[in-house]
Protein backbone atom coordinates (compact mmCIF):
# COMPACT_ATOMS: atom_id res chain seq x y z
CA UNK A 1 189.68 141.91 124.36
CA UNK A 2 187.09 140.44 126.70
CA UNK A 3 185.06 141.97 129.49
CA UNK A 4 184.36 140.36 132.83
CA UNK A 5 181.81 141.28 135.50
CA UNK A 6 182.72 139.92 138.92
CA UNK A 7 179.66 139.99 141.17
CA UNK A 8 180.78 140.17 144.77
CA UNK A 9 177.69 141.15 146.76
CA UNK A 10 173.93 140.91 146.37
CA UNK A 11 171.14 142.27 148.47
CA UNK A 12 167.37 141.99 148.32
CA UNK A 13 167.09 144.44 145.40
CA UNK A 14 170.54 144.74 143.82
CA UNK A 15 173.84 143.13 142.89
CA UNK A 16 177.19 144.90 143.19
CA UNK A 17 180.08 144.08 140.93
CA UNK A 18 183.31 145.10 139.27
CA UNK A 19 183.91 145.45 135.52
CA UNK A 20 187.27 144.37 134.12
CA UNK A 21 188.77 144.31 130.65
CA UNK A 22 191.07 141.41 129.84
CA UNK A 23 193.64 142.03 127.13
CA UNK A 24 196.61 139.78 126.42
CA UNK A 25 195.90 137.87 129.65
CA UNK A 26 196.06 141.01 131.79
CA UNK A 27 192.95 141.96 133.84
CA UNK A 28 192.39 145.73 134.27
CA UNK A 29 189.72 147.26 136.51
CA UNK A 30 187.40 149.62 134.61
CA UNK A 31 184.62 150.57 137.05
CA UNK A 32 181.96 149.43 139.51
CA UNK A 33 178.70 147.87 138.34
CA UNK A 34 175.15 147.58 139.61
CA UNK A 35 172.41 145.20 138.49
CA UNK A 36 169.08 143.91 139.67
CA UNK A 37 168.96 141.11 142.22
CA UNK A 38 169.24 137.36 141.71
CA UNK A 39 165.99 135.41 141.38
CA UNK A 40 165.37 131.72 140.76
CA UNK A 41 162.49 132.67 138.47
CA UNK A 42 162.84 135.67 136.15
CA UNK A 43 160.59 138.62 136.92
CA UNK A 44 160.66 141.28 134.19
CA UNK A 45 162.62 144.36 135.25
CA UNK A 46 163.63 142.83 138.59
CA UNK A 47 166.14 140.10 137.75
CA UNK A 48 169.82 140.16 136.83
CA UNK A 49 170.98 138.07 133.90
CA UNK A 50 172.40 134.62 134.64
CA UNK A 51 176.09 133.90 135.00
CA UNK A 52 177.60 133.09 131.64
CA UNK A 53 179.40 134.46 128.61
CA UNK A 54 177.53 136.61 126.11
CA UNK A 55 178.32 138.81 123.11
CA UNK A 56 178.25 142.61 123.05
CA UNK A 57 177.28 144.35 119.83
CA UNK A 58 176.21 147.90 118.99
CA UNK A 59 172.46 148.58 118.89
CA UNK A 60 171.51 151.52 116.68
CA UNK A 61 167.78 151.71 117.31
CA UNK A 62 165.43 152.23 120.23
CA UNK A 63 164.83 154.88 122.85
CA UNK A 64 168.16 154.59 124.65
CA UNK A 65 170.03 154.87 121.37
CA UNK A 66 168.16 158.06 120.43
CA UNK A 67 168.72 159.64 123.87
CA UNK A 68 172.40 158.67 124.09
CA UNK A 69 173.06 159.86 120.52
CA UNK A 70 172.05 163.33 121.73
CA UNK A 71 173.50 163.12 125.25
CA UNK A 72 176.88 161.71 124.21
CA UNK A 73 177.02 162.88 120.60
CA UNK A 74 180.83 163.20 120.56
CA UNK A 75 181.39 159.52 121.45
CA UNK A 76 178.16 157.60 120.75
CA UNK A 77 178.34 154.83 118.13
CA UNK A 78 175.36 152.79 119.34
CA UNK A 79 174.26 151.23 122.61
CA UNK A 80 176.41 148.45 124.06
CA UNK A 81 173.95 145.59 123.67
CA UNK A 82 174.47 142.28 125.50
CA UNK A 83 172.98 139.62 123.23
CA UNK A 84 171.86 135.99 123.37
CA UNK A 85 170.88 136.07 127.04
CA UNK A 86 168.24 133.35 127.58
CA UNK A 87 164.80 134.85 128.37
CA UNK A 88 166.11 138.44 128.24
CA UNK A 89 165.95 141.09 125.51
CA UNK A 90 167.58 144.49 125.04
CA UNK A 91 170.14 144.17 127.83
CA UNK A 92 172.31 147.29 127.61
CA UNK A 93 175.28 148.83 129.37
CA UNK A 94 174.30 152.36 130.40
CA UNK A 95 174.24 155.09 133.04
CA UNK A 96 172.19 154.90 136.21
CA UNK A 97 172.54 154.95 139.98
CA UNK A 98 170.20 152.41 141.61
CA UNK A 99 168.42 149.20 140.69
CA UNK A 100 165.42 151.38 139.82
CA UNK A 101 167.40 152.57 136.77
CA UNK A 102 167.86 149.09 135.32
CA UNK A 103 165.67 146.31 133.99
CA UNK A 104 168.39 143.66 133.79
CA UNK A 105 170.94 146.05 132.28
CA UNK A 106 174.44 146.74 133.60
CA UNK A 107 174.94 150.17 135.20
CA UNK A 108 178.43 151.67 135.42
CA UNK A 109 179.85 153.90 138.16
CA UNK A 110 183.08 155.31 139.57
CA UNK A 111 181.88 155.01 143.18
CA UNK A 112 179.79 152.38 144.94
CA UNK A 113 177.77 152.05 148.14
CA UNK A 114 177.43 148.71 149.90
CA UNK A 115 174.13 147.22 148.77
CA UNK A 116 173.61 145.76 152.24
CA UNK A 117 173.44 149.35 153.54
CA UNK A 118 171.34 150.83 150.75
CA UNK A 119 168.52 148.48 149.68
CA UNK A 120 168.56 149.53 146.01
CA UNK A 121 172.36 149.49 145.82
CA UNK A 122 174.13 152.53 144.44
CA UNK A 123 176.80 153.45 141.94
CA UNK A 124 177.81 157.09 141.74
CA UNK A 125 179.50 159.20 139.08
CA UNK A 126 177.85 156.98 136.51
CA UNK A 127 178.12 159.47 133.65
CA UNK A 128 181.86 159.96 134.18
CA UNK A 129 182.39 156.17 134.27
CA UNK A 130 180.33 155.73 131.10
CA UNK A 131 182.20 158.49 129.24
CA UNK A 132 185.51 156.88 130.17
CA UNK A 133 184.63 153.20 129.59
CA UNK A 134 182.22 153.38 126.64
CA UNK A 135 184.64 154.59 123.91
CA UNK A 136 187.10 151.81 124.61
CA UNK A 137 184.46 149.08 124.46
CA UNK A 138 182.64 150.56 121.46
CA UNK A 139 185.90 150.81 119.51
CA UNK A 140 186.62 147.12 120.09
CA UNK A 141 183.08 146.13 119.11
CA UNK A 142 183.42 148.15 115.91
CA UNK A 143 186.77 146.55 115.15
CA UNK A 144 185.69 142.93 115.76
CA UNK A 145 181.93 143.08 115.16
CA UNK A 146 181.28 141.93 118.73
CA UNK A 147 183.21 141.05 121.88
CA UNK A 148 182.57 138.74 124.83
CA UNK A 149 181.43 139.62 128.33
CA UNK A 150 181.44 137.05 131.13
CA UNK A 151 179.37 137.40 134.29
CA UNK A 152 180.38 135.39 137.34
CA UNK A 153 179.91 135.40 141.09
CA UNK A 154 182.63 135.13 143.67
């Protein structure tokens, strides 16, 4: 199993995308995504991660882990942590609605507003998307130790 983020639109403050799972050569849509904007030079908390392929592992420490262990106690196994991103640390996959809710992390949602209309971009129904997508990814990470996620622009 691999994950793929297809970035299809970026505005002055946000990047809109689609999250897919690829299993046995078949690509399946999981949900919409939102990230910070593209920048030539990284600015902490205001820059999306570069295109590339990274590993996802489970992170079992930190503030998000403690909050999500309480908030999603029936499903939480650790934060989905995107690792080995040059010049970035603690990149997670989590809930949120606008670019103000991320510092380079990937936000999930079941609805999306055009980021050319809304400056900060927007994904809605983030909690429902997370509850649906998280268990599947976490199970695969537990089974294999880590899995790959590829970010690319179209």
